[in-house]
Structures are given as C-alpha cells and as structure tokens.
N, C-alpha and C. Protein backbone atom coordinates (compact mmCIF):
# COMPACT_ATOMS: atom_id res chain seq x y z
N UNK A 1 -10.47 -22.24 5.23
CA UNK A 1 -10.00 -23.74 4.98
C UNK A 1 -8.72 -23.70 5.60
N UNK A 2 -8.32 -24.73 6.29
CA UNK A 2 -6.97 -24.74 6.88
C UNK A 2 -6.18 -25.47 5.62
N UNK A 3 -5.14 -25.01 5.63
CA UNK A 3 -4.12 -25.57 4.52
C UNK A 3 -2.78 -25.85 5.16
N UNK A 4 -1.87 -26.75 4.75
CA UNK A 4 -0.29 -26.38 5.01
C UNK A 4 0.10 -25.18 4.04
N UNK A 5 0.97 -24.47 4.39
CA UNK A 5 1.70 -23.43 3.59
C UNK A 5 1.89 -24.17 2.17
N UNK A 6 2.80 -25.21 2.25
CA UNK A 6 3.34 -25.89 0.95
C UNK A 6 2.22 -26.03 -0.12
N UNK A 7 0.99 -26.01 0.25
CA UNK A 7 -0.11 -26.13 -0.66
C UNK A 7 -0.28 -24.83 -1.39
N UNK A 8 -0.03 -23.73 -0.90
CA UNK A 8 0.04 -22.73 -1.76
C UNK A 8 1.21 -21.73 -2.15
N UNK A 9 2.40 -22.63 -1.84
CA UNK A 9 3.62 -21.71 -1.99
C UNK A 9 4.54 -22.81 -2.06
N UNK A 10 5.78 -22.36 -2.40
CA UNK A 10 6.96 -23.30 -2.37
C UNK A 10 7.86 -22.40 -1.62
N UNK A 11 8.85 -23.02 -0.88
CA UNK A 11 10.05 -22.43 0.04
C UNK A 11 11.50 -22.75 -0.37
N UNK A 12 12.25 -21.91 0.15
CA UNK A 12 13.74 -22.00 -0.15
C UNK A 12 14.42 -21.43 0.84
N UNK A 13 15.24 -22.06 1.61
CA UNK A 13 16.14 -21.53 2.79
C UNK A 13 17.45 -21.84 2.66
N UNK A 14 18.08 -21.18 3.37
CA UNK A 14 19.61 -21.37 3.69
C UNK A 14 19.89 -20.67 5.10
N UNK A 15 21.33 -20.59 5.29
CA UNK A 15 21.84 -20.22 6.36
C UNK A 15 23.14 -19.30 6.22
N UNK A 16 23.50 -18.72 7.37
CA UNK A 16 24.52 -17.73 7.54
C UNK A 16 24.76 -17.70 8.70
N UNK A 17 26.04 -18.29 9.19
CA UNK A 17 26.45 -18.21 10.48
C UNK A 17 25.28 -18.59 11.63
N UNK A 18 24.86 -17.87 12.41
CA UNK A 18 24.08 -18.33 13.21
C UNK A 18 22.43 -18.17 12.87
N UNK A 19 22.25 -17.62 11.65
CA UNK A 19 20.87 -16.87 11.33
C UNK A 19 20.47 -18.09 10.08
N UNK A 20 19.45 -18.13 9.75
CA UNK A 20 18.68 -18.59 8.47
C UNK A 20 17.84 -17.66 7.98
N UNK A 21 17.48 -18.06 6.53
CA UNK A 21 16.54 -17.17 6.00
C UNK A 21 15.47 -18.38 5.29
N UNK A 22 14.30 -17.70 5.12
CA UNK A 22 13.29 -18.71 4.40
C UNK A 22 12.53 -17.95 3.61
N UNK A 23 12.66 -18.15 2.24
CA UNK A 23 11.87 -17.53 1.21
C UNK A 23 10.59 -18.33 0.77
N UNK A 24 9.63 -17.96 0.98
CA UNK A 24 8.20 -18.39 0.26
C UNK A 24 7.82 -17.64 -0.93
N UNK A 25 7.35 -18.39 -2.01
CA UNK A 25 6.99 -17.92 -3.24
C UNK A 25 5.47 -18.55 -3.56
N UNK A 26 4.95 -17.41 -3.60
CA UNK A 26 3.45 -17.67 -3.72
C UNK A 26 2.96 -18.14 -5.01
N UNK A 27 2.06 -18.98 -5.19
CA UNK A 27 1.74 -19.49 -6.46
C UNK A 27 0.93 -18.42 -7.60
N UNK A 28 0.39 -17.41 -7.05
CA UNK A 28 -0.12 -16.37 -7.97
C UNK A 28 -0.43 -15.17 -7.05
N UNK A 29 -0.67 -14.02 -7.57
CA UNK A 29 -0.79 -12.67 -6.77
C UNK A 29 -1.62 -12.44 -5.87
N UNK A 30 -2.96 -13.32 -5.86
CA UNK A 30 -3.87 -13.06 -5.08
C UNK A 30 -3.70 -13.94 -3.87
N UNK A 31 -2.89 -14.89 -3.83
CA UNK A 31 -2.24 -15.53 -2.67
C UNK A 31 -1.31 -14.71 -1.97
N UNK A 32 -0.32 -14.20 -2.83
CA UNK A 32 0.52 -13.49 -2.22
C UNK A 32 -0.02 -12.23 -1.67
N UNK A 33 -0.94 -11.37 -2.10
CA UNK A 33 -1.57 -10.36 -1.62
C UNK A 33 -2.37 -10.61 -0.21
N UNK A 34 -2.88 -11.86 -0.21
CA UNK A 34 -3.34 -12.23 1.03
C UNK A 34 -2.10 -12.64 2.10
N UNK A 35 -1.34 -13.21 1.76
CA UNK A 35 -0.10 -13.67 2.49
C UNK A 35 0.56 -12.31 3.05
N UNK A 36 0.63 -11.38 2.26
CA UNK A 36 1.39 -10.18 2.65
C UNK A 36 0.65 -9.47 3.88
N UNK A 37 -0.78 -9.48 3.81
CA UNK A 37 -1.48 -9.09 5.05
C UNK A 37 -1.62 -9.90 6.08
N UNK A 38 -1.51 -11.19 6.01
CA UNK A 38 -1.61 -12.29 7.01
C UNK A 38 -0.47 -12.97 7.79
N UNK A 39 0.50 -13.13 6.96
CA UNK A 39 1.32 -13.96 7.23
C UNK A 39 2.61 -13.32 7.70
N UNK A 40 2.70 -12.87 9.24
CA UNK A 40 3.44 -11.87 9.87
C UNK A 40 4.74 -12.57 10.56
N UNK A 41 5.70 -11.94 10.65
CA UNK A 41 6.94 -12.48 11.63
C UNK A 41 6.36 -13.15 12.79
N UNK A 42 5.60 -12.73 13.60
CA UNK A 42 5.08 -13.42 14.67
C UNK A 42 4.84 -14.65 14.44
N UNK A 43 3.85 -15.08 13.49
CA UNK A 43 3.30 -16.25 13.10
C UNK A 43 4.64 -16.95 12.77
N UNK A 44 5.50 -16.69 12.34
CA UNK A 44 6.61 -17.70 11.73
C UNK A 44 7.16 -17.94 13.08
N UNK A 45 7.70 -16.89 13.64
CA UNK A 45 8.51 -17.16 15.09
C UNK A 45 7.84 -18.31 16.02
N UNK A 46 6.45 -17.90 16.23
CA UNK A 46 5.49 -18.91 16.82
C UNK A 46 5.70 -20.32 16.30
N UNK A 47 5.63 -20.61 14.85
CA UNK A 47 5.95 -21.79 14.27
C UNK A 47 7.05 -22.52 14.73
N UNK A 48 8.29 -21.76 14.61
CA UNK A 48 9.42 -22.46 14.98
C UNK A 48 9.74 -22.54 16.25
N UNK A 49 8.86 -21.85 16.94
CA UNK A 49 9.11 -22.22 18.64
C UNK A 49 10.55 -21.79 19.14
N UNK A 50 10.92 -22.98 19.91
CA UNK A 50 12.34 -22.63 20.59
C UNK A 50 13.50 -22.54 19.50
N UNK A 51 13.22 -23.16 18.38
CA UNK A 51 14.34 -23.05 17.45
C UNK A 51 14.98 -21.71 17.14
N UNK A 52 14.07 -20.58 17.15
CA UNK A 52 14.22 -19.29 16.77
C UNK A 52 14.37 -18.50 18.17
N UNK A 53 15.89 -18.11 18.45
CA UNK A 53 16.19 -17.74 19.71
C UNK A 53 16.05 -16.15 19.87
N UNK A 54 16.28 -15.62 18.40
CA UNK A 54 16.35 -14.21 18.33
C UNK A 54 14.88 -13.56 17.59
N UNK A 55 14.99 -12.53 17.08
CA UNK A 55 13.85 -11.92 16.24
C UNK A 55 13.84 -12.64 14.93
N UNK A 56 12.59 -12.65 14.26
CA UNK A 56 12.23 -12.89 13.01
C UNK A 56 11.77 -11.49 12.22
N UNK A 57 12.35 -11.29 11.09
CA UNK A 57 12.49 -10.33 10.25
C UNK A 57 11.79 -10.48 9.07
N UNK A 58 10.64 -9.80 8.47
CA UNK A 58 10.06 -10.04 7.18
C UNK A 58 10.54 -8.93 5.92
N UNK A 59 10.84 -9.56 4.93
CA UNK A 59 10.92 -8.93 3.59
C UNK A 59 9.72 -9.06 2.51
N UNK A 60 9.12 -7.98 2.06
CA UNK A 60 8.44 -8.26 0.80
C UNK A 60 9.08 -8.38 -0.68
N UNK A 61 8.91 -9.26 -1.12
CA UNK A 61 9.23 -9.22 -2.60
C UNK A 61 8.20 -9.20 -3.85
N UNK A 62 7.56 -8.04 -3.83
CA UNK A 62 6.38 -8.28 -4.42
C UNK A 62 6.51 -8.74 -5.85
N UNK A 63 7.32 -8.28 -6.52
CA UNK A 63 7.58 -8.48 -8.16
C UNK A 63 7.63 -9.93 -8.04
N UNK A 64 7.94 -10.73 -7.06
CA UNK A 64 8.15 -12.34 -7.22
C UNK A 64 7.17 -13.02 -6.45
N UNK A 65 6.19 -12.32 -6.02
CA UNK A 65 5.12 -12.82 -5.23
C UNK A 65 5.73 -13.68 -4.08
N UNK A 66 6.85 -13.02 -3.14
CA UNK A 66 7.33 -13.61 -2.37
C UNK A 66 7.69 -12.80 -0.92
N UNK A 67 7.76 -13.62 0.21
CA UNK A 67 7.91 -13.09 1.43
C UNK A 67 9.55 -13.68 1.89
N UNK A 68 10.40 -12.95 2.35
CA UNK A 68 11.57 -13.63 2.92
C UNK A 68 11.40 -13.21 4.60
N UNK A 69 11.78 -14.26 5.13
CA UNK A 69 12.15 -14.31 6.47
C UNK A 69 13.34 -14.66 7.20
N UNK A 70 14.01 -13.66 7.82
CA UNK A 70 15.36 -13.75 8.44
C UNK A 70 14.92 -14.33 9.94
N UNK A 71 15.52 -15.75 10.10
CA UNK A 71 15.48 -16.16 11.64
C UNK A 71 16.67 -16.02 12.29
N UNK A 72 16.75 -14.88 13.06
CA UNK A 72 17.95 -14.69 14.01
C UNK A 72 18.11 -15.59 15.09
N UNK A 73 19.55 -16.05 15.13
CA UNK A 73 19.86 -16.97 16.35
C UNK A 73 19.01 -18.28 16.31
N UNK A 74 18.60 -18.84 14.85
CA UNK A 74 18.06 -20.11 14.57
C UNK A 74 18.84 -21.32 14.57
N UNK A 75 20.43 -21.21 14.56
CA UNK A 75 21.30 -22.28 14.06
C UNK A 75 22.01 -22.71 15.58
N UNK A 76 21.77 -22.47 16.61
CA UNK A 76 22.82 -22.65 17.77
C UNK A 76 24.13 -22.36 17.70
N UNK A 77 24.40 -21.26 16.87
CA UNK A 77 25.67 -20.72 16.83
C UNK A 77 26.32 -20.85 15.56
N UNK A 78 25.48 -21.41 14.53
CA UNK A 78 25.84 -21.85 13.15
C UNK A 78 25.72 -23.09 12.57
N UNK A 79 25.46 -23.24 11.26
CA UNK A 79 25.33 -24.39 10.81
C UNK A 79 26.57 -25.51 10.72
N UNK A 80 27.72 -24.75 10.96
CA UNK A 80 28.98 -25.73 10.75
C UNK A 80 29.85 -25.34 12.01
N UNK A 81 29.26 -24.50 13.13
CA UNK A 81 30.23 -24.04 14.36
C UNK A 81 29.50 -24.77 15.71
N UNK A 82 28.39 -25.26 15.59
CA UNK A 82 27.68 -25.59 16.90
C UNK A 82 28.08 -27.22 17.01
N UNK A 83 28.80 -27.44 18.09
CA UNK A 83 28.98 -28.80 18.51
C UNK A 83 27.72 -29.52 19.32
N UNK A 84 26.61 -28.66 19.80
CA UNK A 84 25.58 -29.10 20.23
C UNK A 84 24.25 -29.48 19.49
N UNK A 85 24.18 -28.51 18.41
CA UNK A 85 23.22 -28.72 17.43
C UNK A 85 23.59 -28.62 16.00
N UNK A 86 23.19 -29.77 15.19
CA UNK A 86 23.68 -29.80 13.97
C UNK A 86 22.83 -29.10 12.87
N UNK A 87 22.33 -28.23 13.52
CA UNK A 87 21.29 -27.45 12.55
C UNK A 87 21.70 -26.95 11.14
N UNK A 88 20.76 -27.03 10.16
CA UNK A 88 21.19 -26.59 9.05
C UNK A 88 20.02 -25.56 8.52
N UNK A 89 20.40 -24.24 7.99
CA UNK A 89 18.92 -23.54 7.59
C UNK A 89 18.46 -24.17 6.21
N UNK A 90 18.93 -25.00 5.52
CA UNK A 90 18.31 -25.62 4.46
C UNK A 90 17.03 -26.26 4.97
N UNK A 91 16.90 -26.77 5.92
CA UNK A 91 15.84 -27.59 6.48
C UNK A 91 14.69 -26.75 6.89
N UNK A 92 14.89 -25.49 7.31
CA UNK A 92 13.91 -24.61 7.58
C UNK A 92 12.83 -24.11 6.50
N UNK A 93 12.94 -24.36 5.27
CA UNK A 93 12.09 -24.29 4.49
C UNK A 93 11.00 -25.07 4.23
N UNK A 94 11.50 -26.55 4.48
CA UNK A 94 10.73 -27.83 4.59
C UNK A 94 9.95 -27.51 5.84
N UNK A 95 10.35 -26.91 6.84
CA UNK A 95 9.55 -27.08 8.24
C UNK A 95 8.60 -26.04 8.05
N UNK A 96 8.79 -24.89 7.28
CA UNK A 96 7.74 -23.87 7.07
C UNK A 96 6.61 -24.51 6.32
N UNK A 97 6.88 -25.10 5.43
CA UNK A 97 6.01 -25.71 4.24
C UNK A 97 4.85 -26.52 5.07
N UNK A 98 5.11 -26.76 6.56
CA UNK A 98 4.25 -27.81 7.22
C UNK A 98 3.40 -26.88 7.98
N UNK A 99 3.67 -25.52 8.03
CA UNK A 99 2.83 -24.64 8.72
C UNK A 99 1.38 -24.90 8.34
N UNK A 100 0.41 -25.09 9.16
CA UNK A 100 -0.91 -24.96 8.84
C UNK A 100 -1.44 -23.82 9.05
N UNK A 101 -2.13 -23.20 8.13
CA UNK A 101 -2.92 -21.82 8.13
C UNK A 101 -4.28 -21.96 7.59
N UNK A 102 -5.09 -20.57 8.05
CA UNK A 102 -6.48 -20.67 7.74
C UNK A 102 -6.49 -19.53 6.62
N UNK A 103 -6.94 -20.08 5.57
CA UNK A 103 -7.14 -19.03 4.46
C UNK A 103 -8.48 -19.12 3.80
N UNK A 104 -8.93 -18.03 3.17
CA UNK A 104 -10.26 -18.01 2.48
C UNK A 104 -10.42 -19.40 1.61
N UNK A 105 -11.60 -19.81 1.38
CA UNK A 105 -11.77 -20.81 0.52
C UNK A 105 -11.58 -20.66 -0.96
N UNK A 106 -11.87 -19.44 -1.51
CA UNK A 106 -11.96 -18.92 -2.84
C UNK A 106 -10.41 -18.81 -3.01
N UNK A 107 -9.23 -18.48 -2.03
CA UNK A 107 -7.98 -18.66 -2.50
C UNK A 107 -7.53 -19.72 -3.05
N UNK A 108 -7.85 -20.88 -2.12
CA UNK A 108 -7.58 -22.36 -2.56
C UNK A 108 -8.04 -22.72 -3.87
N UNK A 109 -9.51 -22.24 -4.08
CA UNK A 109 -10.03 -22.75 -5.65
C UNK A 109 -9.25 -21.92 -6.68
N UNK A 110 -8.95 -20.80 -6.55
CA UNK A 110 -8.34 -20.17 -7.49
C UNK A 110 -6.83 -20.80 -7.71
N UNK A 111 -6.14 -21.13 -6.70
CA UNK A 111 -5.03 -21.86 -6.85
C UNK A 111 -5.19 -23.19 -7.48
N UNK A 112 -6.39 -23.94 -7.64
CA UNK A 112 -6.30 -25.23 -8.11
C UNK A 112 -7.19 -24.75 -9.60
N UNK A 113 -7.50 -23.85 -9.87
CA UNK A 113 -8.11 -23.64 -10.99
C UNK A 113 -7.43 -23.09 -12.04
C-alpha cells in the first residue's frame, strides 16, 4: 500500500550552517524495523532532489524507533547566510512527511489498530 511517510511517523528537523537534519520517529517498533531496512539515504536524497547538493547520511536511534538523516549542503550556504536562497531546515521535516512510500498492508493495519 502506498502512503505518505507522515501517516506512519512524525518528523522533526532543523539546520546548522549549510546542512539540515531530519529526524523521523516511527509510531511503533514494527514500523521502525521495516523502515530501518527500507528507508535509505538514497531514497531521502532522491525525494529532496536538487535541494540536497551534498550527500545524505543516516543514523539509527533504535531505542526511540527513529532514524535521523543529515542533508549536507541543503540550505544554499546556510539558513541565515544565503542571499539567493532563504531556506530553513525546519521545513525539511514537513517536506519529508509528504514522501510517498510503499509499505506492506499489515504495517498500516497494525498502526491503525
């Protein structure tokens, strides 16, 4: 089943210099275990397209059922430094919540049950 990431997780993001980070907190362990195997840095980089000029690095926070992604060179020189791009990392969590992903039907049923 195809769903938006925001259906199965909450996001939180911020910025530091030219980079931003997006934390994704999954609603339960089963969904987290699926995401840990399937939600890669490459998928996140592809979702953001030309916004992310550098690499995307992923960190697992198993005890929180969360993944954290660092989006390198994603703010056009920095949230407060860029004259051409008024980017703020705090919007990246909202953008990532819109990512459409294919998940097994049983994960969504468990999330709603």
